[in-house]
Every structure is written in structure tokens, then in C-alpha cells.
N, C-alpha and C. Protein backbone atom coordinates (compact mmCIF):
# COMPACT_ATOMS: atom_id res chain seq x y z
N MET A 1 8.70 -20.35 0.49
CA MET A 1 9.78 -20.53 1.42
C MET A 1 9.86 -22.02 1.75
N GLN A 2 11.04 -22.55 1.72
CA GLN A 2 11.24 -23.96 2.04
C GLN A 2 12.03 -24.10 3.33
N ASP A 3 11.56 -24.95 4.20
CA ASP A 3 12.21 -25.28 5.47
C ASP A 3 12.56 -24.03 6.28
N PRO A 4 11.55 -23.23 6.67
CA PRO A 4 11.85 -21.98 7.38
C PRO A 4 12.45 -22.19 8.77
N PHE A 5 12.21 -23.35 9.40
CA PHE A 5 12.72 -23.60 10.75
C PHE A 5 13.99 -24.45 10.75
N ASN A 6 14.56 -24.70 9.57
CA ASN A 6 15.80 -25.45 9.42
C ASN A 6 15.71 -26.82 10.11
N MET A 7 14.67 -27.57 9.75
CA MET A 7 14.42 -28.85 10.40
C MET A 7 15.01 -30.04 9.63
N GLN A 8 15.45 -29.83 8.39
CA GLN A 8 16.00 -30.95 7.64
C GLN A 8 17.38 -31.30 8.17
N ARG A 9 17.53 -32.57 8.52
CA ARG A 9 18.81 -33.01 9.05
C ARG A 9 18.90 -34.52 8.92
N TYR A 10 20.10 -35.01 9.11
CA TYR A 10 20.35 -36.44 9.14
C TYR A 10 21.09 -36.72 10.44
N ASP A 11 20.58 -37.65 11.22
CA ASP A 11 21.29 -37.99 12.45
C ASP A 11 21.39 -39.51 12.58
N ALA A 12 22.45 -39.93 13.26
CA ALA A 12 22.71 -41.35 13.42
C ALA A 12 23.33 -41.59 14.79
N ASP A 13 23.03 -42.74 15.36
CA ASP A 13 23.64 -43.20 16.61
C ASP A 13 24.39 -44.49 16.30
N ILE A 14 25.65 -44.52 16.67
CA ILE A 14 26.48 -45.70 16.45
C ILE A 14 26.92 -46.22 17.82
N TYR A 15 26.54 -47.43 18.09
CA TYR A 15 26.88 -48.05 19.39
C TYR A 15 27.90 -49.15 19.15
N THR A 16 29.00 -49.11 19.88
CA THR A 16 29.99 -50.19 19.85
C THR A 16 30.14 -50.73 21.27
N ASN A 17 31.09 -51.62 21.47
CA ASN A 17 31.25 -52.24 22.78
C ASN A 17 31.56 -51.23 23.88
N ASN A 18 32.46 -50.30 23.62
CA ASN A 18 32.86 -49.39 24.68
C ASN A 18 32.68 -47.91 24.33
N SER A 19 31.94 -47.60 23.28
CA SER A 19 31.72 -46.18 22.95
C SER A 19 30.39 -45.99 22.22
N THR A 20 29.93 -44.79 22.30
CA THR A 20 28.70 -44.39 21.60
C THR A 20 29.01 -43.13 20.80
N ILE A 21 28.62 -43.13 19.55
CA ILE A 21 28.86 -41.97 18.68
C ILE A 21 27.51 -41.42 18.24
N ARG A 22 27.30 -40.15 18.47
CA ARG A 22 26.09 -39.45 18.02
C ARG A 22 26.50 -38.52 16.91
N TRP A 23 25.92 -38.69 15.74
CA TRP A 23 26.30 -37.92 14.57
C TRP A 23 25.07 -37.18 14.06
N ILE A 24 25.16 -35.86 13.96
CA ILE A 24 24.06 -35.03 13.45
C ILE A 24 24.60 -34.19 12.30
N ASN A 25 23.96 -34.30 11.18
CA ASN A 25 24.38 -33.55 9.99
C ASN A 25 23.24 -32.62 9.58
N ARG A 26 23.48 -31.35 9.64
CA ARG A 26 22.49 -30.36 9.19
C ARG A 26 23.12 -29.55 8.07
N TRP A 27 22.31 -29.20 7.10
CA TRP A 27 22.78 -28.37 6.01
C TRP A 27 21.85 -27.18 5.87
N GLU A 28 22.33 -26.16 5.24
CA GLU A 28 21.53 -24.94 5.06
C GLU A 28 20.50 -25.21 3.97
N SER A 29 19.26 -25.40 4.36
CA SER A 29 18.21 -25.74 3.41
C SER A 29 17.13 -24.66 3.34
N ARG A 30 17.30 -23.58 4.05
CA ARG A 30 16.31 -22.51 4.00
C ARG A 30 16.50 -21.71 2.72
N ARG A 31 15.41 -21.53 1.99
CA ARG A 31 15.47 -20.80 0.73
C ARG A 31 14.25 -19.91 0.59
N VAL A 32 14.45 -18.80 -0.02
CA VAL A 32 13.36 -17.88 -0.35
C VAL A 32 13.49 -17.56 -1.83
N GLY A 33 12.39 -17.58 -2.53
CA GLY A 33 12.42 -17.28 -3.95
C GLY A 33 11.31 -16.32 -4.33
N ALA A 34 11.55 -15.58 -5.38
CA ALA A 34 10.55 -14.65 -5.91
C ALA A 34 10.66 -14.62 -7.42
N SER A 35 9.55 -14.42 -8.08
CA SER A 35 9.55 -14.31 -9.53
C SER A 35 8.44 -13.36 -9.96
N PHE A 36 8.58 -12.83 -11.14
CA PHE A 36 7.55 -11.97 -11.71
C PHE A 36 7.59 -12.12 -13.22
N SER A 37 6.49 -11.75 -13.85
CA SER A 37 6.41 -11.81 -15.31
C SER A 37 5.84 -10.49 -15.82
N TRP A 38 6.20 -10.18 -17.03
CA TRP A 38 5.80 -8.92 -17.63
C TRP A 38 5.46 -9.20 -19.09
N LYS A 39 4.30 -8.73 -19.51
CA LYS A 39 3.90 -8.87 -20.91
C LYS A 39 4.19 -7.55 -21.62
N PHE A 40 4.97 -7.63 -22.66
CA PHE A 40 5.33 -6.44 -23.42
C PHE A 40 4.27 -6.15 -24.46
N GLY A 41 4.03 -4.89 -24.71
CA GLY A 41 3.08 -4.48 -25.74
C GLY A 41 1.70 -4.23 -25.17
N SER A 42 0.92 -3.52 -25.90
CA SER A 42 -0.44 -3.19 -25.50
C SER A 42 -1.39 -4.32 -25.87
N GLN A 43 -2.14 -4.82 -24.92
CA GLN A 43 -3.07 -5.91 -25.17
C GLN A 43 -4.26 -5.43 -26.00
N GLN A 44 -4.62 -4.15 -25.91
CA GLN A 44 -5.72 -3.61 -26.69
C GLN A 44 -5.38 -3.60 -28.17
N ILE A 45 -4.16 -3.27 -28.50
CA ILE A 45 -3.75 -3.25 -29.90
C ILE A 45 -3.70 -4.67 -30.45
N LYS A 46 -3.20 -5.61 -29.65
CA LYS A 46 -3.12 -6.99 -30.10
C LYS A 46 -4.51 -7.59 -30.31
N ALA A 47 -5.46 -7.23 -29.45
CA ALA A 47 -6.82 -7.75 -29.60
C ALA A 47 -7.51 -7.14 -30.81
N ALA A 48 -7.21 -5.89 -31.11
CA ALA A 48 -7.85 -5.22 -32.24
C ALA A 48 -7.29 -5.71 -33.57
N ARG A 49 -6.12 -6.27 -33.57
CA ARG A 49 -5.47 -6.74 -34.79
C ARG A 49 -6.01 -8.13 -35.13
N ASP A 50 -7.15 -8.18 -35.79
CA ASP A 50 -7.79 -9.45 -36.13
C ASP A 50 -7.22 -9.93 -37.45
N ARG A 51 -6.37 -10.92 -37.39
CA ARG A 51 -5.73 -11.42 -38.60
C ARG A 51 -6.68 -12.36 -39.33
N LYS A 52 -6.79 -12.16 -40.61
CA LYS A 52 -7.65 -13.01 -41.43
C LYS A 52 -6.81 -14.14 -42.01
N ASN A 53 -7.36 -15.35 -41.96
CA ASN A 53 -6.72 -16.49 -42.60
C ASN A 53 -7.81 -17.39 -43.17
N GLY A 54 -7.43 -18.42 -43.82
CA GLY A 54 -8.39 -19.31 -44.46
C GLY A 54 -9.17 -20.18 -43.50
N LEU A 55 -8.75 -20.24 -42.26
CA LEU A 55 -9.40 -21.11 -41.29
C LEU A 55 -10.83 -20.66 -40.99
N GLY A 56 -11.07 -19.36 -40.91
CA GLY A 56 -12.42 -18.86 -40.64
C GLY A 56 -13.40 -19.23 -41.74
N ASP A 57 -12.93 -19.20 -42.98
CA ASP A 57 -13.78 -19.57 -44.11
C ASP A 57 -14.13 -21.05 -44.04
N VAL A 58 -13.18 -21.89 -43.70
CA VAL A 58 -13.43 -23.33 -43.60
C VAL A 58 -14.37 -23.63 -42.43
N GLU A 59 -14.19 -22.96 -41.30
CA GLU A 59 -15.05 -23.20 -40.14
C GLU A 59 -16.49 -22.81 -40.44
N SER A 60 -16.70 -21.78 -41.25
CA SER A 60 -18.07 -21.38 -41.55
C SER A 60 -18.77 -22.39 -42.47
N ARG A 61 -18.00 -23.14 -43.26
CA ARG A 61 -18.61 -24.12 -44.17
C ARG A 61 -18.83 -25.47 -43.51
N VAL A 62 -18.09 -25.76 -42.44
CA VAL A 62 -18.19 -27.06 -41.79
C VAL A 62 -19.15 -26.94 -40.63
N SER A 63 -20.14 -27.84 -40.58
CA SER A 63 -21.07 -27.83 -39.44
C SER A 63 -20.82 -29.11 -38.63
N MET A 64 -20.67 -28.93 -37.35
CA MET A 64 -20.40 -30.08 -36.48
C MET A 64 -21.54 -30.32 -35.54
């Protein structure tokens, strides 16, 4: 939540010889947001699907 008490504003005082002007500008700045995420598919099936590629063979031959 942003600016829940609506405190964002701009104000100015203008003084001239025979008058004073007080200017206050407020805008609607209160906002509420929500989000969610969803992963499609079964994570157990994806973890069980061990794809073989040439990288594993290279990693076993290289010692660091």
C-alpha cells in the first residue's frame, strides 16, 4: 500500500504587496496492489524427467 494517509501534496505560499495566496495541491496517490503466481504442471514429474545430454559426460572427465 502506498500513501495510506494521503499525505503527498504540494503547497505554496505567494506573498505580494497587498495579498497573500495559499495554494495546496493534493492528488489521489493511495494505491493498493495484489499479485499472485501459479506454476503449471506437476513438479514431481518434471523432477523425475532427467534429461541426458553431453554436458554430464564432459563434467565427469574434467576435474577442477
